[in-house]
PDB file of N, CA and C in Angstrom:
ATOM      1  N   MET A   1      25.967  -1.293  18.427  1.00  0.00           N
ATOM      2  CA  MET A   1      24.539  -1.153  18.008  1.00  0.00           C
ATOM      3  C   MET A   1      24.017   0.181  17.760  1.00  0.00           C
ATOM      4  N   GLU A   2      24.473   1.097  18.771  1.00  0.00           N
ATOM      5  CA  GLU A   2      23.926   2.415  18.687  1.00  0.00           C
ATOM      6  C   GLU A   2      24.484   3.183  17.474  1.00  0.00           C
ATOM      7  N   ALA A   3      25.731   2.951  17.003  1.00  0.00           N
ATOM      8  CA  ALA A   3      26.506   3.557  16.053  1.00  0.00           C
ATOM      9  C   ALA A   3      25.967   3.124  14.599  1.00  0.00           C
ATOM     10  N   THR A   4      25.321   1.804  14.489  1.00  0.00           N
ATOM     11  CA  THR A   4      24.535   1.433  13.542  1.00  0.00           C
ATOM     12  C   THR A   4      23.275   2.285  13.466  1.00  0.00           C
ATOM     13  N   LYS A   5      22.582   2.448  14.510  1.00  0.00           N
ATOM     14  CA  LYS A   5      21.452   3.028  14.374  1.00  0.00           C
ATOM     15  C   LYS A   5      21.529   4.496  14.205  1.00  0.00           C
ATOM     16  N   SER A   6      22.716   5.352  14.237  1.00  0.00           N
ATOM     17  CA  SER A   6      22.935   6.765  14.110  1.00  0.00           C
ATOM     18  C   SER A   6      23.151   6.604  12.324  1.00  0.00           C
ATOM     19  N   LEU A   7      23.797   5.566  12.049  1.00  0.00           N
ATOM     20  CA  LEU A   7      24.401   5.543  10.485  1.00  0.00           C
ATOM     21  C   LEU A   7      23.082   5.355   9.729  1.00  0.00           C
ATOM     22  N   TYR A   8      22.159   4.470  10.416  1.00  0.00           N
ATOM     23  CA  TYR A   8      20.787   4.152   9.551  1.00  0.00           C
ATOM     24  C   TYR A   8      20.041   5.593   9.468  1.00  0.00           C
ATOM     25  N   LYS A   9      20.057   6.290  10.546  1.00  0.00           N
ATOM     26  CA  LYS A   9      19.014   7.489  10.867  1.00  0.00           C
ATOM     27  C   LYS A   9      19.799   8.544   9.604  1.00  0.00           C
ATOM     28  N   GLY A  10      20.830   8.628   9.727  1.00  0.00           N
ATOM     29  CA  GLY A  10      21.742   9.464   8.741  1.00  0.00           C
ATOM     30  C   GLY A  10      21.417   9.331   7.271  1.00  0.00           C
ATOM     31  N   ALA A  11      21.417   7.807   6.864  1.00  0.00           N
ATOM     32  CA  ALA A  11      20.826   7.420   5.589  1.00  0.00           C
ATOM     33  C   ALA A  11      19.502   7.880   5.426  1.00  0.00           C
ATOM     34  N   GLN A  12      18.650   7.613   6.183  1.00  0.00           N
ATOM     35  CA  GLN A  12      17.297   7.867   6.035  1.00  0.00           C
ATOM     36  C   GLN A  12      17.022   9.303   5.796  1.00  0.00           C
ATOM     37  N   ILE A  13      17.890  10.498   6.562  1.00  0.00           N
ATOM     38  CA  ILE A  13      17.698  11.895   6.185  1.00  0.00           C
ATOM     39  C   ILE A  13      18.412  12.061   4.912  1.00  0.00           C
ATOM     40  N   VAL A  14      19.262  11.525   4.373  1.00  0.00           N
ATOM     41  CA  VAL A  14      19.829  11.627   3.370  1.00  0.00           C
ATOM     42  C   VAL A  14      18.753  11.322   2.228  1.00  0.00           C
ATOM     43  N   TRP A  15      18.221  10.142   2.164  1.00  0.00           N
ATOM     44  CA  TRP A  15      17.223   9.702   1.187  1.00  0.00           C
ATOM     45  C   TRP A  15      15.940  10.633   1.453  1.00  0.00           C
ATOM     46  N   TYR A  16      15.559  11.096   2.387  1.00  0.00           N
ATOM     47  CA  TYR A  16      14.345  12.004   2.383  1.00  0.00           C
ATOM     48  C   TYR A  16      14.781  13.222   1.852  1.00  0.00           C
ATOM     49  N   LEU A  17      15.763  13.794   2.092  1.00  0.00           N
ATOM     50  CA  LEU A  17      16.071  15.075   1.486  1.00  0.00           C
ATOM     51  C   LEU A  17      16.190  14.840  -0.035  1.00  0.00           C
ATOM     52  N   LEU A  18      16.849  13.848  -0.367  1.00  0.00           N
ATOM     53  CA  LEU A  18      16.718  13.647  -1.735  1.00  0.00           C
ATOM     54  C   LEU A  18      15.497  13.310  -2.505  1.00  0.00           C
ATOM     55  N   THR A  19      14.324  12.982  -1.842  1.00  0.00           N
ATOM     56  CA  THR A  19      12.904  12.671  -2.154  1.00  0.00           C
ATOM     57  C   THR A  19      12.427  14.146  -2.337  1.00  0.00           C
ATOM     58  N   ILE A  20      12.690  14.847  -1.273  1.00  0.00           N
ATOM     59  CA  ILE A  20      12.038  16.276  -1.388  1.00  0.00           C
ATOM     60  C   ILE A  20      12.468  17.020  -2.688  1.00  0.00           C
ATOM     61  N   ILE A  21      14.016  16.968  -2.902  1.00  0.00           N
ATOM     62  CA  ILE A  21      14.727  17.668  -3.943  1.00  0.00           C
ATOM     63  C   ILE A  21      14.218  17.159  -5.367  1.00  0.00           C
ATOM     64  N   GLU A  22      14.116  15.947  -5.360  1.00  0.00           N
ATOM     65  CA  GLU A  22      13.666  15.089  -6.681  1.00  0.00           C
ATOM     66  C   GLU A  22      12.475  15.432  -7.089  1.00  0.00           C
ATOM     67  N   ALA A  23      11.380  15.450  -6.070  1.00  0.00           N
ATOM     68  CA  ALA A  23      10.184  16.098  -6.194  1.00  0.00           C
ATOM     69  C   ALA A  23       9.767  17.173  -6.871  1.00  0.00           C
ATOM     70  N   VAL A  24      10.598  18.182  -6.120  1.00  0.00           N
ATOM     71  CA  VAL A  24      10.258  19.567  -6.711  1.00  0.00           C
ATOM     72  C   VAL A  24      10.985  19.517  -7.928  1.00  0.00           C
ATOM     73  N   LEU A  25      12.142  19.211  -8.355  1.00  0.00           N
ATOM     74  CA  LEU A  25      12.778  19.291  -9.666  1.00  0.00           C
ATOM     75  C   LEU A  25      11.730  18.599 -10.621  1.00  0.00           C
ATOM     76  N   LEU A  26      11.217  17.348 -10.355  1.00  0.00           N
ATOM     77  CA  LEU A  26      10.035  16.919 -11.285  1.00  0.00           C
ATOM     78  C   LEU A  26       9.222  17.632 -11.452  1.00  0.00           C
ATOM     79  N   LEU A  27       8.513  18.193 -10.539  1.00  0.00           N
ATOM     80  CA  LEU A  27       7.564  19.431 -10.526  1.00  0.00           C
ATOM     81  C   LEU A  27       7.955  20.524 -11.565  1.00  0.00           C
ATOM     82  N   ARG A  28       8.947  21.015 -11.292  1.00  0.00           N
ATOM     83  CA  ARG A  28       9.617  22.029 -12.274  1.00  0.00           C
ATOM     84  C   ARG A  28       9.498  21.562 -13.698  1.00  0.00           C
ATOM     85  N   PHE A  29      10.136  20.268 -13.916  1.00  0.00           N
ATOM     86  CA  PHE A  29      10.320  19.709 -15.449  1.00  0.00           C
ATOM     87  C   PHE A  29       8.717  19.603 -16.027  1.00  0.00           C
ATOM     88  N   VAL A  30       7.923  19.087 -15.182  1.00  0.00           N
ATOM     89  CA  VAL A  30       6.537  19.049 -15.650  1.00  0.00           C
ATOM     90  C   VAL A  30       5.822  20.307 -15.959  1.00  0.00           C
ATOM     91  N   LEU A  31       6.111  21.355 -14.933  1.00  0.00           N
ATOM     92  CA  LEU A  31       5.411  22.543 -15.200  1.00  0.00           C
ATOM     93  C   LEU A  31       5.864  23.237 -16.538  1.00  0.00           C
ATOM     94  N   ARG A  32       7.307  23.193 -16.728  1.00  0.00           N
ATOM     95  CA  ARG A  32       7.881  23.798 -17.745  1.00  0.00           C
ATOM     96  C   ARG A  32       7.366  23.207 -19.080  1.00  0.00           C
ATOM     97  N   LEU A  33       7.235  21.598 -19.007  1.00  0.00           N
ATOM     98  CA  LEU A  33       7.011  20.967 -20.300  1.00  0.00           C
ATOM     99  C   LEU A  33       5.539  21.301 -20.647  1.00  0.00           C
ATOM    100  N   LEU A  34       4.719  21.398 -19.679  1.00  0.00           N
ATOM    101  CA  LEU A  34       3.313  21.765 -19.822  1.00  0.00           C
ATOM    102  C   LEU A  34       2.739  23.205 -20.081  1.00  0.00           C
ATOM    103  N   GLN A  35       3.953  24.004 -20.119  1.00  0.00           N
ATOM    104  CA  GLN A  35       3.880  25.483 -20.082  1.00  0.00           C
ATOM    105  C   GLN A  35       2.819  26.025 -19.100  1.00  0.00           C
ATOM    106  N   ALA A  36       3.107  25.776 -17.953  1.00  0.00           N
ATOM    107  CA  ALA A  36       2.632  26.417 -16.823  1.00  0.00           C
ATOM    108  C   ALA A  36       2.768  27.951 -16.721  1.00  0.00           C
ATOM    109  N   ASN A  37       1.709  28.726 -16.335  1.00  0.00           N
ATOM    110  CA  ASN A  37       1.864  30.099 -16.212  1.00  0.00           C
ATOM    111  C   ASN A  37       2.855  30.451 -14.957  1.00  0.00           C
ATOM    112  N   PRO A  38       4.024  30.977 -15.379  1.00  0.00           N
ATOM    113  CA  PRO A  38       5.024  31.389 -14.582  1.00  0.00           C
ATOM    114  C   PRO A  38       4.712  32.730 -13.790  1.00  0.00           C
ATOM    115  N   GLY A  39       3.509  33.196 -14.056  1.00  0.00           N
ATOM    116  CA  GLY A  39       2.863  34.426 -12.943  1.00  0.00           C
ATOM    117  C   GLY A  39       2.093  33.713 -12.105  1.00  0.00           C
ATOM    118  N   ALA A  40       1.571  32.585 -12.100  1.00  0.00           N
ATOM    119  CA  ALA A  40       1.063  32.015 -10.836  1.00  0.00           C
ATOM    120  C   ALA A  40       1.932  31.745  -9.551  1.00  0.00           C
ATOM    121  N   GLY A  41       1.170  32.008  -8.628  1.00  0.00           N
ATOM    122  CA  GLY A  41       2.059  31.789  -7.473  1.00  0.00           C
ATOM    123  C   GLY A  41       2.733  30.647  -7.106  1.00  0.00           C
ATOM    124  N   PHE A  42       1.995  29.547  -7.173  1.00  0.00           N
ATOM    125  CA  PHE A  42       2.537  27.999  -7.060  1.00  0.00           C
ATOM    126  C   PHE A  42       3.878  27.808  -8.206  1.00  0.00           C
ATOM    127  N   THR A  43       3.552  28.315  -9.319  1.00  0.00           N
ATOM    128  CA  THR A  43       4.437  28.120 -10.478  1.00  0.00           C
ATOM    129  C   THR A  43       5.796  28.640 -10.295  1.00  0.00           C
ATOM    130  N   ASP A  44       5.409  30.007  -9.610  1.00  0.00           N
ATOM    131  CA  ASP A  44       6.563  30.960  -9.237  1.00  0.00           C
ATOM    132  C   ASP A  44       7.301  30.453  -8.269  1.00  0.00           C
ATOM    133  N   PHE A  45       6.765  29.994  -7.026  1.00  0.00           N
ATOM    134  CA  PHE A  45       7.334  29.406  -5.996  1.00  0.00           C
ATOM    135  C   PHE A  45       8.105  28.108  -6.541  1.00  0.00           C
ATOM    136  N   VAL A  46       7.743  27.376  -7.409  1.00  0.00           N
ATOM    137  CA  VAL A  46       8.509  25.839  -7.468  1.00  0.00           C
ATOM    138  C   VAL A  46       9.487  26.481  -8.458  1.00  0.00           C
ATOM    139  N   TYR A  47       9.550  27.330  -9.533  1.00  0.00           N
ATOM    140  CA  TYR A  47      10.539  27.818 -10.080  1.00  0.00           C
ATOM    141  C   TYR A  47      11.807  28.439  -9.316  1.00  0.00           C
ATOM    142  N   GLY A  48      11.410  29.278  -8.466  1.00  0.00           N
ATOM    143  CA  GLY A  48      12.153  29.923  -7.629  1.00  0.00           C
ATOM    144  C   GLY A  48      13.111  29.022  -6.753  1.00  0.00           C
ATOM    145  N   PHE A  49      12.336  28.135  -5.957  1.00  0.00           N
ATOM    146  CA  PHE A  49      12.871  27.195  -5.198  1.00  0.00           C
ATOM    147  C   PHE A  49      13.773  26.236  -5.816  1.00  0.00           C
ATOM    148  N   SER A  50      13.144  25.525  -6.858  1.00  0.00           N
ATOM    149  CA  SER A  50      13.777  24.451  -7.481  1.00  0.00           C
ATOM    150  C   SER A  50      15.233  25.304  -8.295  1.00  0.00           C
ATOM    151  N   GLY A  51      15.134  26.441  -8.593  1.00  0.00           N
ATOM    152  CA  GLY A  51      16.244  27.456  -9.233  1.00  0.00           C
ATOM    153  C   GLY A  51      17.508  27.020  -8.285  1.00  0.00           C
ATOM    154  N   LEU A  52      17.133  26.936  -7.031  1.00  0.00           N
ATOM    155  CA  LEU A  52      18.562  26.789  -6.218  1.00  0.00           C
ATOM    156  C   LEU A  52      19.337  25.641  -6.645  1.00  0.00           C
ATOM    157  N   PHE A  53      18.497  24.619  -6.934  1.00  0.00           N
ATOM    158  CA  PHE A  53      19.354  23.279  -7.104  1.00  0.00           C
ATOM    159  C   PHE A  53      19.380  23.130  -8.662  1.00  0.00           C
ATOM    160  N   THR A  54      18.953  23.756  -9.784  1.00  0.00           N
ATOM    161  CA  THR A  54      19.259  23.724 -11.221  1.00  0.00           C
ATOM    162  C   THR A  54      20.142  24.830 -11.420  1.00  0.00           C
ATOM    163  N   GLY A  55      20.479  25.866 -10.696  1.00  0.00           N
ATOM    164  CA  GLY A  55      21.399  26.809 -11.006  1.00  0.00           C
ATOM    165  C   GLY A  55      22.577  26.467 -11.246  1.00  0.00           C
ATOM    166  N   PRO A  56      23.553  25.571 -10.773  1.00  0.00           N
ATOM    167  CA  PRO A  56      25.067  24.948 -11.037  1.00  0.00           C
ATOM    168  C   PRO A  56      24.800  24.490 -12.457  1.00  0.00           C
ATOM    169  N   PHE A  57      23.584  23.940 -12.853  1.00  0.00           N
ATOM    170  CA  PHE A  57      23.750  23.155 -14.049  1.00  0.00           C
ATOM    171  C   PHE A  57      23.317  24.027 -15.318  1.00  0.00           C
ATOM    172  N   GLU A  58      22.952  25.379 -15.294  1.00  0.00           N
ATOM    173  CA  GLU A  58      22.236  25.977 -16.262  1.00  0.00           C
ATOM    174  C   GLU A  58      22.890  26.207 -17.596  1.00  0.00           C
ATOM    175  N   ALA A  59      24.189  26.228 -17.458  1.00  0.00           N
ATOM    176  CA  ALA A  59      24.815  26.404 -18.790  1.00  0.00           C
ATOM    177  C   ALA A  59      25.460  24.929 -19.586  1.00  0.00           C
ATOM    178  N   VAL A  60      25.036  23.968 -19.132  1.00  0.00           N
ATOM    179  CA  VAL A  60      25.554  22.803 -19.487  1.00  0.00           C
ATOM    180  C   VAL A  60      24.797  22.445 -20.886  1.00  0.00           C
ATOM    181  N   PHE A  61      23.668  22.037 -20.707  1.00  0.00           N
ATOM    182  CA  PHE A  61      22.845  22.104 -21.892  1.00  0.00           C
ATOM    183  C   PHE A  61      21.688  23.071 -22.414  1.00  0.00           C
ATOM    184  N   ARG A  62      21.400  23.139 -23.481  1.00  0.00           N
ATOM    185  CA  ARG A  62      20.682  24.139 -24.058  1.00  0.00           C
ATOM    186  C   ARG A  62      19.192  23.325 -23.618  1.00  0.00           C
ATOM    187  N   ASN A  63      18.206  24.493 -23.347  1.00  0.00           N
ATOM    188  CA  ASN A  63      16.855  23.620 -23.337  1.00  0.00           C
ATOM    189  C   ASN A  63      16.023  23.573 -24.586  1.00  0.00           C
ATOM    190  N   LEU A  64      15.438  22.533 -24.777  1.00  0.00           N
ATOM    191  CA  LEU A  64      14.824  22.296 -26.081  1.00  0.00           C
ATOM    192  C   LEU A  64      13.100  23.188 -26.129  1.00  0.00           C
ATOM    193  N   TYR A  65      12.817  23.765 -27.114  1.00  0.00           N
ATOM    194  CA  TYR A  65      11.893  24.462 -27.057  1.00  0.00           C
ATOM    195  C   TYR A  65      10.824  24.154 -28.308  1.00  0.00           C
ATOM    196  N   VAL A  66       9.441  23.582 -27.810  1.00  0.00           N
ATOM    197  CA  VAL A  66       8.680  23.096 -28.768  1.00  0.00           C
ATOM    198  C   VAL A  66       7.381  23.654 -28.571  1.00  0.00           C
ATOM    199  N   GLU A  67       6.818  24.558 -29.460  1.00  0.00           N
ATOM    200  CA  GLU A  67       5.700  25.328 -29.487  1.00  0.00           C
ATOM    201  C   GLU A  67       5.225  26.103 -28.138  1.00  0.00           C
ATOM    202  N   GLY A  68       6.180  26.466 -27.393  1.00  0.00           N
ATOM    203  CA  GLY A  68       5.975  26.725 -26.132  1.00  0.00           C
ATOM    204  C   GLY A  68       6.243  26.030 -24.865  1.00  0.00           C
ATOM    205  N   SER A  69       6.254  24.788 -25.322  1.00  0.00           N
ATOM    206  CA  SER A  69       6.775  23.890 -24.231  1.00  0.00           C
ATOM    207  C   SER A  69       8.464  23.847 -24.101  1.00  0.00           C
ATOM    208  N   VAL A  70       8.982  23.679 -22.863  1.00  0.00           N
ATOM    209  CA  VAL A  70      10.262  23.766 -22.812  1.00  0.00           C
ATOM    210  C   VAL A  70      10.716  22.316 -22.140  1.00  0.00           C
ATOM    211  N   PHE A  71      11.717  21.599 -22.537  1.00  0.00           N
ATOM    212  CA  PHE A  71      12.086  20.347 -22.414  1.00  0.00           C
ATOM    213  C   PHE A  71      13.440  20.772 -21.817  1.00  0.00           C
ATOM    214  N   GLU A  72      13.653  20.731 -20.320  1.00  0.00           N
ATOM    215  CA  GLU A  72      14.710  21.270 -19.725  1.00  0.00           C
ATOM    216  C   GLU A  72      15.688  20.124 -19.318  1.00  0.00           C
ATOM    217  N   TRP A  73      16.823  20.161 -20.057  1.00  0.00           N
ATOM    218  CA  TRP A  73      17.747  19.038 -19.995  1.00  0.00           C
ATOM    219  C   TRP A  73      18.484  19.205 -18.722  1.00  0.00           C
ATOM    220  N   THR A  74      18.777  20.599 -18.289  1.00  0.00           N
ATOM    221  CA  THR A  74      19.176  21.029 -16.920  1.00  0.00           C
ATOM    222  C   THR A  74      18.623  20.325 -15.530  1.00  0.00           C
ATOM    223  N   THR A  75      17.414  20.392 -15.711  1.00  0.00           N
ATOM    224  CA  THR A  75      16.601  19.890 -14.691  1.00  0.00           C
ATOM    225  C   THR A  75      17.057  18.327 -14.719  1.00  0.00           C
ATOM    226  N   LEU A  76      16.991  17.577 -15.742  1.00  0.00           N
ATOM    227  CA  LEU A  76      17.400  16.160 -15.667  1.00  0.00           C
ATOM    228  C   LEU A  76      18.562  15.918 -15.166  1.00  0.00           C
ATOM    229  N   LEU A  77      19.338  16.606 -15.579  1.00  0.00           N
ATOM    230  CA  LEU A  77      20.989  16.622 -15.131  1.00  0.00           C
ATOM    231  C   LEU A  77      21.039  16.748 -13.598  1.00  0.00           C
ATOM    232  N   ALA A  78      20.343  17.869 -13.225  1.00  0.00           N
ATOM    233  CA  ALA A  78      20.288  18.187 -11.713  1.00  0.00           C
ATOM    234  C   ALA A  78      19.934  16.921 -11.150  1.00  0.00           C
ATOM    235  N   MET A  79      18.684  16.171 -11.244  1.00  0.00           N
ATOM    236  CA  MET A  79      18.096  15.233 -10.770  1.00  0.00           C
ATOM    237  C   MET A  79      19.087  13.854 -10.775  1.00  0.00           C
ATOM    238  N   LEU A  80      19.946  13.701 -11.728  1.00  0.00           N
ATOM    239  CA  LEU A  80      20.676  12.734 -11.872  1.00  0.00           C
ATOM    240  C   LEU A  80      21.928  12.915 -10.804  1.00  0.00           C
ATOM    241  N   VAL A  81      22.463  14.205 -10.999  1.00  0.00           N
ATOM    242  CA  VAL A  81      23.734  14.418 -10.151  1.00  0.00           C
ATOM    243  C   VAL A  81      23.031  14.351  -8.513  1.00  0.00           C
ATOM    244  N   TYR A  82      22.231  14.763  -8.272  1.00  0.00           N
ATOM    245  CA  TYR A  82      21.912  14.729  -6.807  1.00  0.00           C
ATOM    246  C   TYR A  82      21.539  13.353  -6.392  1.00  0.00           C
ATOM    247  N   TRP A  83      21.205  12.508  -7.173  1.00  0.00           N
ATOM    248  CA  TRP A  83      20.845  11.247  -6.985  1.00  0.00           C
ATOM    249  C   TRP A  83      22.225  10.498  -6.779  1.00  0.00           C
ATOM    250  N   ILE A  84      23.229  10.728  -7.663  1.00  0.00           N
ATOM    251  CA  ILE A  84      24.376  10.172  -7.533  1.00  0.00           C
ATOM    252  C   ILE A  84      25.046  10.599  -6.108  1.00  0.00           C
ATOM    253  N   ILE A  85      25.124  11.888  -5.935  1.00  0.00           N
ATOM    254  CA  ILE A  85      25.769  12.349  -4.862  1.00  0.00           C
ATOM    255  C   ILE A  85      25.102  11.865  -3.368  1.00  0.00           C
ATOM    256  N   ALA A  86      23.777  11.531  -3.236  1.00  0.00           N
ATOM    257  CA  ALA A  86      23.102  10.745  -2.306  1.00  0.00           C
ATOM    258  C   ALA A  86      23.637   9.387  -2.058  1.00  0.00           C
ATOM    259  N   ILE A  87      23.709   8.895  -3.348  1.00  0.00           N
ATOM    260  CA  ILE A  87      24.223   7.344  -3.379  1.00  0.00           C
ATOM    261  C   ILE A  87      25.668   7.358  -2.496  1.00  0.00           C
ATOM    262  N   GLY A  88      26.431   8.371  -2.962  1.00  0.00           N
ATOM    263  CA  GLY A  88      27.663   8.479  -2.216  1.00  0.00           C
ATOM    264  C   GLY A  88      27.830   8.699  -0.973  1.00  0.00           C
ATOM    265  N   ILE A  89      26.821   9.677  -0.421  1.00  0.00           N
ATOM    266  CA  ILE A  89      26.867   9.875   0.945  1.00  0.00           C
ATOM    267  C   ILE A  89      26.390   8.744   1.728  1.00  0.00           C
ATOM    268  N   VAL A  90      25.459   8.096   1.084  1.00  0.00           N
ATOM    269  CA  VAL A  90      24.826   6.712   1.819  1.00  0.00           C
ATOM    270  C   VAL A  90      25.997   5.602   2.036  1.00  0.00           C
ATOM    271  N   ARG A  91      26.625   5.642   0.906  1.00  0.00           N
ATOM    272  CA  ARG A  91      27.769   4.492   0.848  1.00  0.00           C
ATOM    273  C   ARG A  91      28.942   4.934   1.858  1.00  0.00           C
ATOM    274  N   LEU A  92      29.101   6.362   1.904  1.00  0.00           N
ATOM    275  CA  LEU A  92      30.263   6.722   2.792  1.00  0.00           C
ATOM    276  C   LEU A  92      29.569   6.453   4.228  1.00  0.00           C
ATOM    277  N   LEU A  93      28.390   6.999   4.695  1.00  0.00           N
ATOM    278  CA  LEU A  93      27.954   6.398   5.921  1.00  0.00           C
ATOM    279  C   LEU A  93      27.920   4.941   6.150  1.00  0.00           C
ATOM    280  N   ALA A  94      27.644   3.967   5.138  1.00  0.00           N
ATOM    281  CA  ALA A  94      27.642   2.706   5.460  1.00  0.00           C
ATOM    282  C   ALA A  94      29.299   2.344   5.816  1.00  0.00           C
ATOM    283  N   MET A  95      30.140   2.887   5.409  1.00  0.00           N
ATOM    284  CA  MET A  95      31.620   2.575   5.579  1.00  0.00           C
ATOM    285  C   MET A  95      31.998   2.650   7.309  1.00  0.00           C
ATOM    286  N   GLY A  96      31.205   3.598   7.827  1.00  0.00           N
ATOM    287  CA  GLY A  96      31.398   3.762   9.298  1.00  0.00           C
ATOM    288  C   GLY A  96      30.719   2.776  10.048  1.00  0.00           C
ATOM    289  N   ARG A  97      30.031   1.927   9.539  1.00  0.00           N
ATOM    290  CA  ARG A  97      29.262   0.819  10.117  1.00  0.00           C
ATOM    291  C   ARG A  97      30.274  -0.016  10.958  1.00  0.00           C
ATOM    292  N   PRO A  98      29.998  -0.522  12.129  1.00  0.00           N
ATOM    293  CA  PRO A  98      30.948  -1.296  12.837  1.00  0.00           C
ATOM    294  C   PRO A  98      31.040  -2.773  12.173  1.00  0.00           C
ATOM    295  N   VAL A  99      32.052  -3.406  12.080  1.00  0.00           N
ATOM    296  CA  VAL A  99      31.969  -4.905  11.378  1.00  0.00           C
ATOM    297  C   VAL A  99      32.806  -5.609  12.362  1.00  0.00           C
ATOM    298  N   SER A 100      32.472  -7.033  12.397  1.00  0.00           N
ATOM    299  CA  SER A 100      33.440  -7.917  13.303  1.00  0.00           C
ATOM    300  C   SER A 100      34.499  -8.292  12.504  1.00  0.00           C
ATOM    301  N   SER A 101      35.408  -8.883  13.284  1.00  0.00           N
ATOM    302  CA  SER A 101      36.551  -9.116  12.437  1.00  0.00           C
ATOM    303  C   SER A 101      36.432 -10.473  11.437  1.00  0.00           C
ATOM    304  N   THR A 102      35.563 -11.273  11.725  1.00  0.00           N
ATOM    305  CA  THR A 102      35.228 -12.249  10.820  1.00  0.00           C
ATOM    306  C   THR A 102      34.540 -11.792   9.486  1.00  0.00           C
ATOM    307  N   GLU A 103      33.714 -10.766   9.682  1.00  0.00           N
ATOM    308  CA  GLU A 103      32.850 -10.131   8.416  1.00  0.00           C
ATOM    309  C   GLU A 103      33.798  -9.439   7.691  1.00  0.00           C
ATOM    310  N   ALA A 104      34.929  -8.645   8.132  1.00  0.00           N
ATOM    311  CA  ALA A 104      35.941  -7.944   7.443  1.00  0.00           C
ATOM    312  C   ALA A 104      36.863  -8.978   6.830  1.00  0.00           C
ATOM    313  N   GLN A 105      37.189 -10.101   7.308  1.00  0.00           N
ATOM    314  CA  GLN A 105      38.025 -11.046   6.918  1.00  0.00           C
ATOM    315  C   GLN A 105      37.447 -11.418   5.523  1.00  0.00           C
ATOM    316  N   GLU A 106      36.221 -11.882   5.481  1.00  0.00           N
ATOM    317  CA  GLU A 106      35.650 -12.383   4.654  1.00  0.00           C
ATOM    318  C   GLU A 106      35.240 -11.555   3.582  1.00  0.00           C
ATOM    319  N   LYS A 107      35.032 -10.249   3.632  1.00  0.00           N
ATOM    320  CA  LYS A 107      34.764  -9.237   2.709  1.00  0.00           C
ATOM    321  C   LYS A 107      36.294  -8.964   1.999  1.00  0.00           C
ATOM    322  N   LEU A 108      37.597  -8.887   2.886  1.00  0.00           N
ATOM    323  CA  LEU A 108      38.427  -8.877   2.297  1.00  0.00           C
ATOM    324  C   LEU A 108      38.983 -10.025   1.346  1.00  0.00           C
ATOM    325  N   GLY A 109      38.601 -10.843   1.889  1.00  0.00           N
ATOM    326  CA  GLY A 109      38.917 -12.285   0.876  1.00  0.00           C
ATOM    327  C   GLY A 109      38.360 -12.209  -0.406  1.00  0.00           C
ATOM    328  N   SER A 110      37.092 -11.733  -0.322  1.00  0.00           N
ATOM    329  CA  SER A 110      36.247 -11.950  -1.441  1.00  0.00           C
ATOM    330  C   SER A 110      36.550 -10.825  -2.507  1.00  0.00           C
ATOM    331  N   GLN A 111      37.261  -9.593  -1.882  1.00  0.00           N
ATOM    332  CA  GLN A 111      38.057  -8.537  -2.861  1.00  0.00           C
ATOM    333  C   GLN A 111      39.093  -8.876  -3.447  1.00  0.00           C
ATOM    334  N   ASP A 112      39.862 -10.082  -2.718  1.00  0.00           N
ATOM    335  CA  ASP A 112      41.073 -10.426  -3.197  1.00  0.00           C
ATOM    336  C   ASP A 112      40.962 -11.304  -4.602  1.00  0.00           C
ATOM    337  N   GLN A 113      39.640 -11.826  -4.669  1.00  0.00           N
ATOM    338  CA  GLN A 113      39.374 -12.871  -5.869  1.00  0.00           C
ATOM    339  C   GLN A 113      39.228 -12.019  -7.024  1.00  0.00           C
ATOM    340  N   ILE A 114      38.631 -10.692  -6.733  1.00  0.00           N
ATOM    341  CA  ILE A 114      38.241 -10.008  -8.004  1.00  0.00           C
ATOM    342  C   ILE A 114      39.430  -9.908  -9.205  1.00  0.00           C
TER     343      ILE A 114
END
């Protein structure tokens, strides 16, 4: 029971961190799309902080520029990749959940039928 609580808390932390990262990245995407002033303190903070998360994806796609607006494929790719990573971590945590012998037998039986 205690192990399940710990795994649940771990999953909650992963989803919480993902929510923060996704919100910052979405904010970056919208600010760039709506031509926010990069000299403004808030915009500068969002670009600087979110740059930590978009950096690894910078050279994957070219950004689309339309009349001063920037459609950042990089940011969308980062959001997708971090979401996939979070799902993987949560599923990995779920594998550590204690199961009864009966439950394990049923799961293994259903996998054999596939």
